[in-house]
Amino acid sequence: MEEHGQLKRAFINSTAGAISGAISRTVTSPLDVIKIRFQQQQQKDGIHTSFIGIYFQVQLEPTTKWALLHKDVYGISKYNGMFQATKDIFREEGLLGFWRGNVPALLMVMPYTAIQFTVLHKFKTFMAGSSKTEDHVHLSPYLSYISGALAGCAATVGSYPFDLLRTILASQGEPKVYPSMRSAFLDIIRTRGYRGLYAGLSPTLVEIVPYAGLQFGTYDTFKRWTVAWNQFRNPSSSITDNSNSSIQLFLCGLAAGTVAKVVCHPLDVVKKRFQIEGLPRHPRYGARVEHRAYRNMYDAVIRIIEREGWGGLYKGIVPSIIKAAPASAVTFVAHEFISNWLDSSFLT
């Protein structure tokens, strides 16, 4: 009977996670496409030397019109601001251009969030000694960060090939290099082998540990703070430990997504570079990242800073935060509601 209850709980967590991830991903897809376009912009500008050898200088692609006045920037970027990028994508690719790569993204995010919330609940159950969600709020904040990081790692490994395909399709623009997810998949197998489906996995795992840890850890922390605030404002009311309004849950998710993205965005830029290195792209979107352009993560960070400045590590930060904050909020709120609905439907 206990095993049957655990299977039901796992079903609820995975289903609620998959549905909430799909809703969040679809709603915020336009911002994700814009973010990826900024992150992949590079501009080749001659041969230079440095302490890491001879290389083609890649200038920082400006993401604002003000940056075009900088003395170290030569030429004009394809995208130089969110509003301009939105107009160009809509004009050249139509409305559907903002959902480019959304199919592999859904195939990635649904198993990702399903695995993530299932592993998260399993770990919290183990640490709290109880499978009841209301008992998990008493866990140490440190355990929230650790459980979030472990859940993020498990989910990343389980869904990574779809994340790679999503990045490739979202970054290619027009004219398309790959007309479909299948053509991108087959070309990766042909040029990189099956290991190519996991290109950039190492920097992704390095990124996801602090990102998922911060996202879930800060979300739980903010939830505790709002509960304490509710009890402070209404000391006479009977408020349970885990009672939060929908608005409070949304704001907690918003804050958690913002904190996690601001801290971890440079790692996301490095990850994206590894994912698309060696793959073709149209010249209008900037120089492509050559195969084996970076020896490892440290080398990638050094080269990006040296060639593009510190700003190179924060390309796409504005659309990234604008996307990550509501995405996190929608995911958490949707998961809470769907989980509670499934709870009442299946566990009563």
C-alpha atoms as a PDB file:
ATOM      1  CA  MET A   1       0.000   0.000   0.000  1.00  0.00           C
ATOM      2  CA  GLU A   2       2.836   2.342   0.845  1.00  0.00           C
ATOM      3  CA  GLU A   3       4.525   1.540  -2.476  1.00  0.00           C
ATOM      4  CA  HIS A   4       1.262   2.241  -4.298  1.00  0.00           C
ATOM      5  CA  GLY A   5       1.069   5.644  -2.583  1.00  0.00           C
ATOM      6  CA  GLN A   6       4.636   6.440  -3.582  1.00  0.00           C
ATOM      7  CA  LEU A   7       3.859   5.611  -7.217  1.00  0.00           C
ATOM      8  CA  LYS A   8       0.843   7.916  -7.107  1.00  0.00           C
ATOM      9  CA  ARG A   9       2.941  10.691  -5.603  1.00  0.00           C
ATOM     10  CA  ALA A  10       5.625  10.214  -8.273  1.00  0.00           C
ATOM     11  CA  PHE A  11       2.918  10.344 -10.968  1.00  0.00           C
ATOM     12  CA  ILE A  12       1.494  13.563  -9.531  1.00  0.00           C
ATOM     13  CA  ASN A  13       4.904  15.244  -9.273  1.00  0.00           C
ATOM     14  CA  SER A  14       5.996  14.219 -12.765  1.00  0.00           C
ATOM     15  CA  THR A  15       2.669  15.137 -14.400  1.00  0.00           C
ATOM     16  CA  ALA A  16       2.417  18.485 -12.626  1.00  0.00           C
ATOM     17  CA  GLY A  17       6.058  19.194 -13.485  1.00  0.00           C
ATOM     18  CA  ALA A  18       5.632  18.336 -17.177  1.00  0.00           C
ATOM     19  CA  ILE A  19       2.450  20.401 -17.609  1.00  0.00           C
ATOM     20  CA  SER A  20       3.761  23.421 -15.700  1.00  0.00           C
ATOM     21  CA  GLY A  21       7.007  23.318 -17.682  1.00  0.00           C
ATOM     22  CA  ALA A  22       5.126  23.174 -20.990  1.00  0.00           C
ATOM     23  CA  ILE A  23       2.913  26.138 -20.055  1.00  0.00           C
ATOM     24  CA  SER A  24       5.869  28.214 -18.895  1.00  0.00           C
ATOM     25  CA  ARG A  25       7.998  27.362 -21.912  1.00  0.00           C
ATOM     26  CA  THR A  26       5.312  28.167 -24.484  1.00  0.00           C
ATOM     27  CA  VAL A  27       4.406  31.489 -22.856  1.00  0.00           C
ATOM     28  CA  THR A  28       8.017  32.703 -22.661  1.00  0.00           C
ATOM     29  CA  SER A  29       9.362  31.254 -25.942  1.00  0.00           C
ATOM     30  CA  PRO A  30       9.642  34.642 -27.754  1.00  0.00           C
ATOM     31  CA  LEU A  31      11.971  35.979 -25.045  1.00  0.00           C
ATOM     32  CA  ASP A  32      14.050  32.807 -25.155  1.00  0.00           C
ATOM     33  CA  VAL A  33      14.524  33.101 -28.935  1.00  0.00           C
ATOM     34  CA  ILE A  34      15.656  36.733 -28.585  1.00  0.00           C
ATOM     35  CA  LYS A  35      18.026  35.788 -25.756  1.00  0.00           C
ATOM     36  CA  ILE A  36      19.656  32.999 -27.787  1.00  0.00           C
ATOM     37  CA  ARG A  37      20.109  35.280 -30.822  1.00  0.00           C
ATOM     38  CA  PHE A  38      22.022  37.783 -28.662  1.00  0.00           C
ATOM     39  CA  GLN A  39      24.137  35.109 -26.989  1.00  0.00           C
ATOM     40  CA  GLN A  40      25.314  33.659 -30.308  1.00  0.00           C
ATOM     41  CA  GLN A  41      26.302  36.933 -32.006  1.00  0.00           C
ATOM     42  CA  GLN A  42      29.970  37.216 -32.851  1.00  0.00           C
ATOM     43  CA  GLN A  43      31.872  39.332 -35.361  1.00  0.00           C
ATOM     44  CA  LYS A  44      35.178  38.327 -36.947  1.00  0.00           C
ATOM     45  CA  ASP A  45      37.693  41.140 -37.343  1.00  0.00           C
ATOM     46  CA  GLY A  46      41.160  40.043 -38.454  1.00  0.00           C
ATOM     47  CA  ILE A  47      43.981  38.083 -36.819  1.00  0.00           C
ATOM     48  CA  HIS A  48      45.457  39.032 -33.463  1.00  0.00           C
ATOM     49  CA  THR A  49      47.850  37.514 -30.965  1.00  0.00           C
ATOM     50  CA  SER A  50      47.573  37.020 -27.229  1.00  0.00           C
ATOM     51  CA  PHE A  51      48.889  34.964 -24.365  1.00  0.00           C
ATOM     52  CA  ILE A  52      46.795  32.038 -25.607  1.00  0.00           C
ATOM     53  CA  GLY A  53      48.173  32.206 -29.166  1.00  0.00           C
ATOM     54  CA  ILE A  54      47.034  33.418 -32.582  1.00  0.00           C
ATOM     55  CA  TYR A  55      43.327  33.653 -33.191  1.00  0.00           C
ATOM     56  CA  PHE A  56      40.673  35.437 -35.216  1.00  0.00           C
ATOM     57  CA  GLN A  57      39.556  38.419 -33.166  1.00  0.00           C
ATOM     58  CA  VAL A  58      35.848  38.274 -32.438  1.00  0.00           C
ATOM     59  CA  GLN A  59      34.503  41.643 -31.405  1.00  0.00           C
ATOM     60  CA  LEU A  60      31.702  42.124 -28.926  1.00  0.00           C
ATOM     61  CA  GLU A  61      28.403  42.279 -30.743  1.00  0.00           C
ATOM     62  CA  PRO A  62      26.647  45.281 -29.194  1.00  0.00           C
ATOM     63  CA  THR A  63      23.233  44.712 -27.710  1.00  0.00           C
ATOM     64  CA  THR A  64      22.323  48.394 -27.491  1.00  0.00           C
ATOM     65  CA  LYS A  65      22.696  51.302 -29.916  1.00  0.00           C
ATOM     66  CA  TRP A  66      24.864  53.103 -27.355  1.00  0.00           C
ATOM     67  CA  ALA A  67      27.402  50.284 -27.584  1.00  0.00           C
ATOM     68  CA  LEU A  68      27.928  51.045 -31.283  1.00  0.00           C
ATOM     69  CA  LEU A  69      29.793  54.185 -30.221  1.00  0.00           C
ATOM     70  CA  HIS A  70      32.382  52.140 -28.297  1.00  0.00           C
ATOM     71  CA  LYS A  71      35.795  52.444 -29.910  1.00  0.00           C
ATOM     72  CA  ASP A  72      36.474  48.689 -29.807  1.00  0.00           C
ATOM     73  CA  VAL A  73      33.371  47.748 -31.760  1.00  0.00           C
ATOM     74  CA  TYR A  74      33.613  47.628 -35.543  1.00  0.00           C
ATOM     75  CA  GLY A  75      30.631  47.118 -37.782  1.00  0.00           C
ATOM     76  CA  ILE A  76      26.996  46.810 -36.951  1.00  0.00           C
ATOM     77  CA  SER A  77      25.402  43.854 -35.235  1.00  0.00           C
ATOM     78  CA  LYS A  78      22.425  42.004 -36.589  1.00  0.00           C
ATOM     79  CA  TYR A  79      20.631  42.727 -33.300  1.00  0.00           C
ATOM     80  CA  ASN A  80      21.405  45.771 -31.142  1.00  0.00           C
ATOM     81  CA  GLY A  81      18.411  46.029 -28.837  1.00  0.00           C
ATOM     82  CA  MET A  82      15.370  44.047 -27.726  1.00  0.00           C
ATOM     83  CA  PHE A  83      12.875  46.233 -29.576  1.00  0.00           C
ATOM     84  CA  GLN A  84      14.933  46.195 -32.776  1.00  0.00           C
ATOM     85  CA  ALA A  85      15.471  42.415 -32.494  1.00  0.00           C
ATOM     86  CA  THR A  86      11.736  41.876 -32.019  1.00  0.00           C
ATOM     87  CA  LYS A  87      10.934  43.950 -35.112  1.00  0.00           C
ATOM     88  CA  ASP A  88      13.555  42.212 -37.263  1.00  0.00           C
ATOM     89  CA  ILE A  89      12.538  38.701 -36.257  1.00  0.00           C
ATOM     90  CA  PHE A  90       8.870  39.487 -36.878  1.00  0.00           C
ATOM     91  CA  ARG A  91       9.606  41.132 -40.260  1.00  0.00           C
ATOM     92  CA  GLU A  92      11.948  38.404 -41.516  1.00  0.00           C
ATOM     93  CA  GLU A  93      10.462  35.279 -39.961  1.00  0.00           C
ATOM     94  CA  GLY A  94       6.890  36.150 -39.073  1.00  0.00           C
ATOM     95  CA  LEU A  95       5.120  35.526 -35.787  1.00  0.00           C
ATOM     96  CA  LEU A  96       6.122  31.862 -35.767  1.00  0.00           C
ATOM     97  CA  GLY A  97       9.768  32.935 -35.682  1.00  0.00           C
ATOM     98  CA  PHE A  98       9.331  33.660 -31.970  1.00  0.00           C
ATOM     99  CA  TRP A  99       8.454  30.006 -31.397  1.00  0.00           C
ATOM    100  CA  ARG A 100      11.334  28.637 -33.448  1.00  0.00           C
ATOM    101  CA  GLY A 101      12.724  25.572 -31.731  1.00  0.00           C
ATOM    102  CA  ASN A 102       9.681  25.333 -29.474  1.00  0.00           C
ATOM    103  CA  VAL A 103       8.910  21.698 -30.352  1.00  0.00           C
ATOM    104  CA  PRO A 104      12.309  20.376 -29.221  1.00  0.00           C
ATOM    105  CA  ALA A 105      12.092  22.853 -26.348  1.00  0.00           C
ATOM    106  CA  LEU A 106       8.827  21.268 -25.208  1.00  0.00           C
ATOM    107  CA  LEU A 107      10.308  17.808 -25.676  1.00  0.00           C
ATOM    108  CA  MET A 108      13.167  19.015 -23.492  1.00  0.00           C
ATOM    109  CA  VAL A 109      11.308  20.977 -20.830  1.00  0.00           C
ATOM    110  CA  MET A 110       8.489  18.497 -20.181  1.00  0.00           C
ATOM    111  CA  PRO A 111      10.718  15.564 -19.198  1.00  0.00           C
ATOM    112  CA  TYR A 112      13.109  18.049 -17.578  1.00  0.00           C
ATOM    113  CA  THR A 113      10.546  19.547 -15.207  1.00  0.00           C
ATOM    114  CA  ALA A 114       8.898  16.149 -14.685  1.00  0.00           C
ATOM    115  CA  ILE A 115      12.212  14.614 -13.584  1.00  0.00           C
ATOM    116  CA  GLN A 116      13.199  17.729 -11.654  1.00  0.00           C
ATOM    117  CA  PHE A 117      10.092  17.952  -9.465  1.00  0.00           C
ATOM    118  CA  THR A 118       9.961  14.172  -8.967  1.00  0.00           C
ATOM    119  CA  VAL A 119      13.603  13.959  -7.837  1.00  0.00           C
ATOM    120  CA  LEU A 120      13.149  17.107  -5.744  1.00  0.00           C
ATOM    121  CA  HIS A 121      10.193  15.635  -3.859  1.00  0.00           C
ATOM    122  CA  LYS A 122      11.957  12.292  -3.451  1.00  0.00           C
ATOM    123  CA  PHE A 123      15.036  13.933  -1.961  1.00  0.00           C
ATOM    124  CA  LYS A 124      12.989  16.143   0.365  1.00  0.00           C
ATOM    125  CA  THR A 125      10.968  13.109   1.447  1.00  0.00           C
ATOM    126  CA  PHE A 126      14.181  11.280   2.300  1.00  0.00           C
ATOM    127  CA  MET A 127      15.583  14.229   4.266  1.00  0.00           C
ATOM    128  CA  ALA A 128      12.311  15.079   6.061  1.00  0.00           C
ATOM    129  CA  GLY A 129      11.317  11.469   6.725  1.00  0.00           C
ATOM    130  CA  SER A 130       7.852  12.213   5.363  1.00  0.00           C
ATOM    131  CA  SER A 131       6.278  12.341   1.906  1.00  0.00           C
ATOM    132  CA  LYS A 132       3.843  15.092   2.935  1.00  0.00           C
ATOM    133  CA  THR A 133       4.631  18.390   1.212  1.00  0.00           C
ATOM    134  CA  GLU A 134       3.650  20.389   4.293  1.00  0.00           C
ATOM    135  CA  ASP A 135       6.428  18.664   6.260  1.00  0.00           C
ATOM    136  CA  HIS A 136       9.060  19.743   3.722  1.00  0.00           C
ATOM    137  CA  VAL A 137       8.803  23.428   4.649  1.00  0.00           C
ATOM    138  CA  HIS A 138      10.595  22.648   7.918  1.00  0.00           C
ATOM    139  CA  LEU A 139      13.734  21.486   6.104  1.00  0.00           C
ATOM    140  CA  SER A 140      16.898  23.539   6.487  1.00  0.00           C
ATOM    141  CA  PRO A 141      17.308  26.192   3.747  1.00  0.00           C
ATOM    142  CA  TYR A 142      20.646  24.577   2.866  1.00  0.00           C
ATOM    143  CA  LEU A 143      18.866  21.319   2.054  1.00  0.00           C
ATOM    144  CA  SER A 144      16.543  23.217  -0.288  1.00  0.00           C
ATOM    145  CA  TYR A 145      19.569  24.450  -2.253  1.00  0.00           C
ATOM    146  CA  ILE A 146      21.162  20.991  -2.314  1.00  0.00           C
ATOM    147  CA  SER A 147      17.956  19.200  -3.319  1.00  0.00           C
ATOM    148  CA  GLY A 148      17.343  21.746  -6.081  1.00  0.00           C
ATOM    149  CA  ALA A 149      20.870  21.280  -7.438  1.00  0.00           C
ATOM    150  CA  LEU A 150      20.599  17.475  -7.443  1.00  0.00           C
ATOM    151  CA  ALA A 151      17.180  17.586  -9.091  1.00  0.00           C
ATOM    152  CA  GLY A 152      18.521  19.956 -11.754  1.00  0.00           C
ATOM    153  CA  CYS A 153      21.442  17.633 -12.548  1.00  0.00           C
ATOM    154  CA  ALA A 154      19.192  14.586 -12.905  1.00  0.00           C
ATOM    155  CA  ALA A 155      16.747  16.471 -15.120  1.00  0.00           C
ATOM    156  CA  THR A 156      19.529  17.908 -17.306  1.00  0.00           C
ATOM    157  CA  VAL A 157      21.126  14.541 -18.073  1.00  0.00           C
ATOM    158  CA  GLY A 158      17.723  13.050 -18.870  1.00  0.00           C
ATOM    159  CA  SER A 159      16.635  15.725 -21.349  1.00  0.00           C
ATOM    160  CA  TYR A 160      19.854  17.238 -22.704  1.00  0.00           C
ATOM    161  CA  PRO A 161      19.694  16.237 -26.425  1.00  0.00           C
ATOM    162  CA  PHE A 162      16.425  18.158 -26.781  1.00  0.00           C
ATOM    163  CA  ASP A 163      17.994  21.219 -25.153  1.00  0.00           C
ATOM    164  CA  LEU A 164      20.803  21.051 -27.712  1.00  0.00           C
ATOM    165  CA  LEU A 165      18.373  20.795 -30.632  1.00  0.00           C
ATOM    166  CA  ARG A 166      16.289  23.661 -29.212  1.00  0.00           C
ATOM    167  CA  THR A 167      19.345  25.926 -29.033  1.00  0.00           C
ATOM    168  CA  ILE A 168      20.458  25.084 -32.572  1.00  0.00           C
ATOM    169  CA  LEU A 169      17.027  25.637 -34.136  1.00  0.00           C
ATOM    170  CA  ALA A 170      16.335  28.838 -32.173  1.00  0.00           C
ATOM    171  CA  SER A 171      19.684  30.398 -33.109  1.00  0.00           C
ATOM    172  CA  GLN A 172      19.717  29.733 -36.872  1.00  0.00           C
ATOM    173  CA  GLY A 173      17.412  32.525 -38.092  1.00  0.00           C
ATOM    174  CA  GLU A 174      16.560  32.907 -41.802  1.00  0.00           C
ATOM    175  CA  PRO A 175      17.352  31.363 -44.213  1.00  0.00           C
ATOM    176  CA  LYS A 176      17.160  28.162 -42.217  1.00  0.00           C
ATOM    177  CA  VAL A 177      20.185  25.918 -42.106  1.00  0.00           C
ATOM    178  CA  TYR A 178      18.052  23.101 -40.724  1.00  0.00           C
ATOM    179  CA  PRO A 179      14.447  22.949 -41.981  1.00  0.00           C
ATOM    180  CA  SER A 180      13.384  20.549 -39.242  1.00  0.00           C
ATOM    181  CA  MET A 181      14.400  18.998 -35.944  1.00  0.00           C
ATOM    182  CA  ARG A 182      15.058  15.723 -37.779  1.00  0.00           C
ATOM    183  CA  SER A 183      17.530  17.324 -40.212  1.00  0.00           C
ATOM    184  CA  ALA A 184      19.385  18.989 -37.309  1.00  0.00           C
ATOM    185  CA  PHE A 185      19.488  15.669 -35.426  1.00  0.00           C
ATOM    186  CA  LEU A 186      20.854  13.751 -38.437  1.00  0.00           C
ATOM    187  CA  ASP A 187      23.473  16.401 -39.213  1.00  0.00           C
ATOM    188  CA  ILE A 188      24.736  16.351 -35.624  1.00  0.00           C
ATOM    189  CA  ILE A 189      25.043  12.554 -35.780  1.00  0.00           C
ATOM    190  CA  ARG A 190      26.852  12.799 -39.131  1.00  0.00           C
ATOM    191  CA  THR A 191      29.308  15.545 -38.152  1.00  0.00           C
ATOM    192  CA  ARG A 192      29.805  14.864 -34.429  1.00  0.00           C
ATOM    193  CA  GLY A 193      28.602  11.335 -33.840  1.00  0.00           C
ATOM    194  CA  TYR A 194      26.200  10.360 -31.064  1.00  0.00           C
ATOM    195  CA  ARG A 195      28.439  12.100 -28.530  1.00  0.00           C
ATOM    196  CA  GLY A 196      27.548  15.313 -30.344  1.00  0.00           C
ATOM    197  CA  LEU A 197      24.055  15.110 -28.846  1.00  0.00           C
ATOM    198  CA  TYR A 198      25.703  15.873 -25.511  1.00  0.00           C
ATOM    199  CA  ALA A 199      27.977  18.684 -26.731  1.00  0.00           C
ATOM    200  CA  GLY A 200      28.253  21.244 -23.961  1.00  0.00           C
ATOM    201  CA  LEU A 201      26.927  18.887 -21.262  1.00  0.00           C
ATOM    202  CA  SER A 202      29.821  19.610 -18.881  1.00  0.00           C
ATOM    203  CA  PRO A 203      29.336  23.408 -18.823  1.00  0.00           C
ATOM    204  CA  THR A 204      25.587  22.801 -18.642  1.00  0.00           C
ATOM    205  CA  LEU A 205      25.973  20.709 -15.489  1.00  0.00           C
ATOM    206  CA  VAL A 206      28.357  23.302 -14.041  1.00  0.00           C
ATOM    207  CA  GLU A 207      25.690  25.919 -14.757  1.00  0.00           C
ATOM    208  CA  ILE A 208      22.693  23.921 -13.538  1.00  0.00           C
ATOM    209  CA  VAL A 209      24.121  23.135 -10.085  1.00  0.00           C
ATOM    210  CA  PRO A 210      24.147  26.770  -8.896  1.00  0.00           C
ATOM    211  CA  TYR A 211      21.157  27.746 -11.064  1.00  0.00           C
ATOM    212  CA  ALA A 212      18.743  25.034  -9.912  1.00  0.00           C
ATOM    213  CA  GLY A 213      20.089  25.268  -6.373  1.00  0.00           C
ATOM    214  CA  LEU A 214      19.499  29.011  -6.256  1.00  0.00           C
ATOM    215  CA  GLN A 215      16.140  28.771  -8.011  1.00  0.00           C
ATOM    216  CA  PHE A 216      14.622  26.208  -5.647  1.00  0.00           C
ATOM    217  CA  GLY A 217      16.534  27.353  -2.585  1.00  0.00           C
ATOM    218  CA  THR A 218      15.547  31.008  -2.911  1.00  0.00           C
ATOM    219  CA  TYR A 219      11.976  30.039  -3.813  1.00  0.00           C
ATOM    220  CA  ASP A 220      11.642  28.036  -0.593  1.00  0.00           C
ATOM    221  CA  THR A 221      13.349  30.845   1.342  1.00  0.00           C
ATOM    222  CA  PHE A 222      11.000  33.497  -0.028  1.00  0.00           C
ATOM    223  CA  LYS A 223       8.019  31.254   0.721  1.00  0.00           C
ATOM    224  CA  ARG A 224       9.151  30.985   4.349  1.00  0.00           C
ATOM    225  CA  TRP A 225       9.526  34.755   4.540  1.00  0.00           C
ATOM    226  CA  THR A 226       6.039  35.369   3.143  1.00  0.00           C
ATOM    227  CA  VAL A 227       4.554  32.853   5.596  1.00  0.00           C
ATOM    228  CA  ALA A 228       6.316  34.657   8.461  1.00  0.00           C
ATOM    229  CA  TRP A 229       5.041  37.967   7.098  1.00  0.00           C
ATOM    230  CA  ASN A 230       1.483  36.624   6.917  1.00  0.00           C
ATOM    231  CA  GLN A 231       1.699  35.424  10.504  1.00  0.00           C
ATOM    232  CA  PHE A 232       3.163  38.760  11.613  1.00  0.00           C
ATOM    233  CA  ARG A 233       0.329  40.694   9.957  1.00  0.00           C
ATOM    234  CA  ASN A 234      -2.390  38.345  11.215  1.00  0.00           C
ATOM    235  CA  PRO A 235      -1.176  36.807  14.488  1.00  0.00           C
ATOM    236  CA  SER A 236      -4.687  35.812  15.542  1.00  0.00           C
ATOM    237  CA  SER A 237      -5.592  33.971  12.332  1.00  0.00           C
ATOM    238  CA  SER A 238      -5.012  30.255  11.892  1.00  0.00           C
ATOM    239  CA  ILE A 239      -2.476  30.239   9.093  1.00  0.00           C
ATOM    240  CA  THR A 240      -0.765  26.970   8.298  1.00  0.00           C
ATOM    241  CA  ASP A 241       2.962  26.777   7.704  1.00  0.00           C
ATOM    242  CA  ASN A 242       2.717  26.450   3.951  1.00  0.00           C
ATOM    243  CA  SER A 243      -0.101  28.906   3.233  1.00  0.00           C
ATOM    244  CA  ASN A 244       0.682  31.454   0.528  1.00  0.00           C
ATOM    245  CA  SER A 245      -1.608  33.328  -1.811  1.00  0.00           C
ATOM    246  CA  SER A 246      -1.302  32.881  -5.576  1.00  0.00           C
ATOM    247  CA  ILE A 247       0.188  36.370  -5.890  1.00  0.00           C
ATOM    248  CA  GLN A 248       2.766  35.584  -3.195  1.00  0.00           C
ATOM    249  CA  LEU A 249       3.732  32.321  -4.913  1.00  0.00           C
ATOM    250  CA  PHE A 250       4.089  34.174  -8.218  1.00  0.00           C
ATOM    251  CA  LEU A 251       6.281  36.871  -6.659  1.00  0.00           C
ATOM    252  CA  CYS A 252       8.423  34.245  -4.908  1.00  0.00           C
ATOM    253  CA  GLY A 253       8.955  32.461  -8.225  1.00  0.00           C
ATOM    254  CA  LEU A 254       9.664  35.779  -9.950  1.00  0.00           C
ATOM    255  CA  ALA A 255      12.341  36.696  -7.403  1.00  0.00           C
ATOM    256  CA  ALA A 256      13.862  33.206  -7.427  1.00  0.00           C
ATOM    257  CA  GLY A 257      14.154  33.170 -11.226  1.00  0.00           C
ATOM    258  CA  THR A 258      15.742  36.628 -11.273  1.00  0.00           C
ATOM    259  CA  VAL A 259      18.360  35.818  -8.625  1.00  0.00           C
ATOM    260  CA  ALA A 260      19.318  32.518 -10.256  1.00  0.00           C
ATOM    261  CA  LYS A 261      19.613  33.992 -13.752  1.00  0.00           C
ATOM    262  CA  VAL A 262      21.649  37.063 -12.763  1.00  0.00           C
ATOM    263  CA  VAL A 263      24.194  34.887 -10.956  1.00  0.00           C
ATOM    264  CA  CYS A 264      24.429  32.112 -13.557  1.00  0.00           C
ATOM    265  CA  HIS A 265      23.985  33.916 -16.902  1.00  0.00           C
ATOM    266  CA  PRO A 266      27.709  33.871 -17.842  1.00  0.00           C
ATOM    267  CA  LEU A 267      27.696  30.082 -17.532  1.00  0.00           C
ATOM    268  CA  ASP A 268      24.666  29.960 -19.830  1.00  0.00           C
ATOM    269  CA  VAL A 269      26.540  31.961 -22.485  1.00  0.00           C
ATOM    270  CA  VAL A 270      29.496  29.548 -22.290  1.00  0.00           C
ATOM    271  CA  LYS A 271      27.134  26.571 -22.522  1.00  0.00           C
ATOM    272  CA  LYS A 272      25.453  27.950 -25.658  1.00  0.00           C
ATOM    273  CA  ARG A 273      28.840  28.464 -27.347  1.00  0.00           C
ATOM    274  CA  PHE A 274      29.761  24.810 -26.788  1.00  0.00           C
ATOM    275  CA  GLN A 275      26.369  23.677 -28.062  1.00  0.00           C
ATOM    276  CA  ILE A 276      26.640  25.377 -31.465  1.00  0.00           C
ATOM    277  CA  GLU A 277      30.399  25.159 -32.114  1.00  0.00           C
ATOM    278  CA  GLY A 278      31.219  23.753 -35.542  1.00  0.00           C
ATOM    279  CA  LEU A 279      27.633  23.926 -36.768  1.00  0.00           C
ATOM    280  CA  PRO A 280      26.734  26.031 -39.838  1.00  0.00           C
ATOM    281  CA  ARG A 281      24.866  29.318 -39.606  1.00  0.00           C
ATOM    282  CA  HIS A 282      24.077  32.105 -42.055  1.00  0.00           C
ATOM    283  CA  PRO A 283      26.753  34.893 -42.119  1.00  0.00           C
ATOM    284  CA  ARG A 284      24.147  37.599 -41.515  1.00  0.00           C
ATOM    285  CA  TYR A 285      23.906  36.375 -37.911  1.00  0.00           C
ATOM    286  CA  GLY A 286      27.648  36.793 -37.274  1.00  0.00           C
ATOM    287  CA  ALA A 287      30.667  34.505 -37.401  1.00  0.00           C
ATOM    288  CA  ARG A 288      29.989  30.912 -36.517  1.00  0.00           C
ATOM    289  CA  VAL A 289      31.699  29.266 -33.557  1.00  0.00           C
ATOM    290  CA  GLU A 290      34.355  26.990 -35.073  1.00  0.00           C
ATOM    291  CA  HIS A 291      34.601  23.336 -34.091  1.00  0.00           C
ATOM    292  CA  ARG A 292      36.785  22.893 -30.994  1.00  0.00           C
ATOM    293  CA  ALA A 293      37.019  26.685 -30.654  1.00  0.00           C
ATOM    294  CA  TYR A 294      37.414  26.214 -26.896  1.00  0.00           C
ATOM    295  CA  ARG A 295      39.505  23.573 -25.128  1.00  0.00           C
ATOM    296  CA  ASN A 296      37.429  23.655 -21.951  1.00  0.00           C
ATOM    297  CA  MET A 297      35.195  25.932 -19.902  1.00  0.00           C
ATOM    298  CA  TYR A 298      38.054  27.945 -18.444  1.00  0.00           C
ATOM    299  CA  ASP A 299      39.501  28.482 -21.923  1.00  0.00           C
ATOM    300  CA  ALA A 300      36.071  29.565 -23.195  1.00  0.00           C
ATOM    301  CA  VAL A 301      35.642  32.131 -20.414  1.00  0.00           C
ATOM    302  CA  ILE A 302      39.150  33.545 -20.979  1.00  0.00           C
ATOM    303  CA  ARG A 303      38.663  33.792 -24.746  1.00  0.00           C
ATOM    304  CA  ILE A 304      35.236  35.412 -24.454  1.00  0.00           C
ATOM    305  CA  ILE A 305      36.546  38.015 -21.986  1.00  0.00           C
ATOM    306  CA  GLU A 306      39.672  38.671 -24.067  1.00  0.00           C
ATOM    307  CA  ARG A 307      37.906  38.955 -27.412  1.00  0.00           C
ATOM    308  CA  GLU A 308      34.566  40.409 -26.405  1.00  0.00           C
ATOM    309  CA  GLY A 309      35.192  42.006 -23.025  1.00  0.00           C
ATOM    310  CA  TRP A 310      33.369  41.253 -19.787  1.00  0.00           C
ATOM    311  CA  GLY A 311      30.158  42.219 -21.545  1.00  0.00           C
ATOM    312  CA  GLY A 312      30.536  39.121 -23.712  1.00  0.00           C
ATOM    313  CA  LEU A 313      29.611  36.974 -20.715  1.00  0.00           C
ATOM    314  CA  TYR A 314      26.385  38.934 -20.295  1.00  0.00           C
ATOM    315  CA  LYS A 315      25.111  38.900 -23.854  1.00  0.00           C
ATOM    316  CA  GLY A 316      21.361  38.518 -23.845  1.00  0.00           C
ATOM    317  CA  ILE A 317      21.111  39.251 -20.103  1.00  0.00           C
ATOM    318  CA  VAL A 318      18.106  41.598 -20.474  1.00  0.00           C
ATOM    319  CA  PRO A 319      15.825  39.230 -22.447  1.00  0.00           C
ATOM    320  CA  SER A 320      17.218  36.383 -20.353  1.00  0.00           C
ATOM    321  CA  ILE A 321      16.069  37.932 -17.070  1.00  0.00           C
ATOM    322  CA  ILE A 322      12.794  39.147 -18.571  1.00  0.00           C
ATOM    323  CA  LYS A 323      12.202  35.554 -19.704  1.00  0.00           C
ATOM    324  CA  ALA A 324      13.604  33.646 -16.709  1.00  0.00           C
ATOM    325  CA  ALA A 325      11.724  35.564 -14.018  1.00  0.00           C
ATOM    326  CA  PRO A 326       8.165  35.022 -15.322  1.00  0.00           C
ATOM    327  CA  ALA A 327       9.090  31.514 -16.548  1.00  0.00           C
ATOM    328  CA  SER A 328      10.140  30.553 -13.052  1.00  0.00           C
ATOM    329  CA  ALA A 329       7.054  32.183 -11.536  1.00  0.00           C
ATOM    330  CA  VAL A 330       4.654  30.489 -13.981  1.00  0.00           C
ATOM    331  CA  THR A 331       6.338  27.113 -13.475  1.00  0.00           C
ATOM    332  CA  PHE A 332       6.131  27.243  -9.676  1.00  0.00           C
ATOM    333  CA  VAL A 333       2.563  28.556  -9.531  1.00  0.00           C
ATOM    334  CA  ALA A 334       1.315  26.150 -12.204  1.00  0.00           C
ATOM    335  CA  HIS A 335       3.037  23.245 -10.461  1.00  0.00           C
ATOM    336  CA  GLU A 336       1.472  24.140  -7.101  1.00  0.00           C
ATOM    337  CA  PHE A 337      -2.031  24.373  -8.589  1.00  0.00           C
ATOM    338  CA  ILE A 338      -1.780  21.271 -10.798  1.00  0.00           C
ATOM    339  CA  SER A 339      -0.201  19.279  -7.985  1.00  0.00           C
ATOM    340  CA  ASN A 340      -2.976  20.288  -5.560  1.00  0.00           C
ATOM    341  CA  TRP A 341      -5.650  19.474  -8.150  1.00  0.00           C
ATOM    342  CA  LEU A 342      -4.153  16.045  -8.840  1.00  0.00           C
ATOM    343  CA  ASP A 343      -3.794  15.516  -5.086  1.00  0.00           C
ATOM    344  CA  SER A 344      -7.509  16.054  -4.549  1.00  0.00           C
ATOM    345  CA  SER A 345      -8.396  13.928  -7.585  1.00  0.00           C
ATOM    346  CA  PHE A 346      -6.214  10.874  -6.995  1.00  0.00           C
ATOM    347  CA  LEU A 347      -5.251  10.781  -3.338  1.00  0.00           C
ATOM    348  CA  THR A 348      -8.647  11.286  -1.724  1.00  0.00           C
END
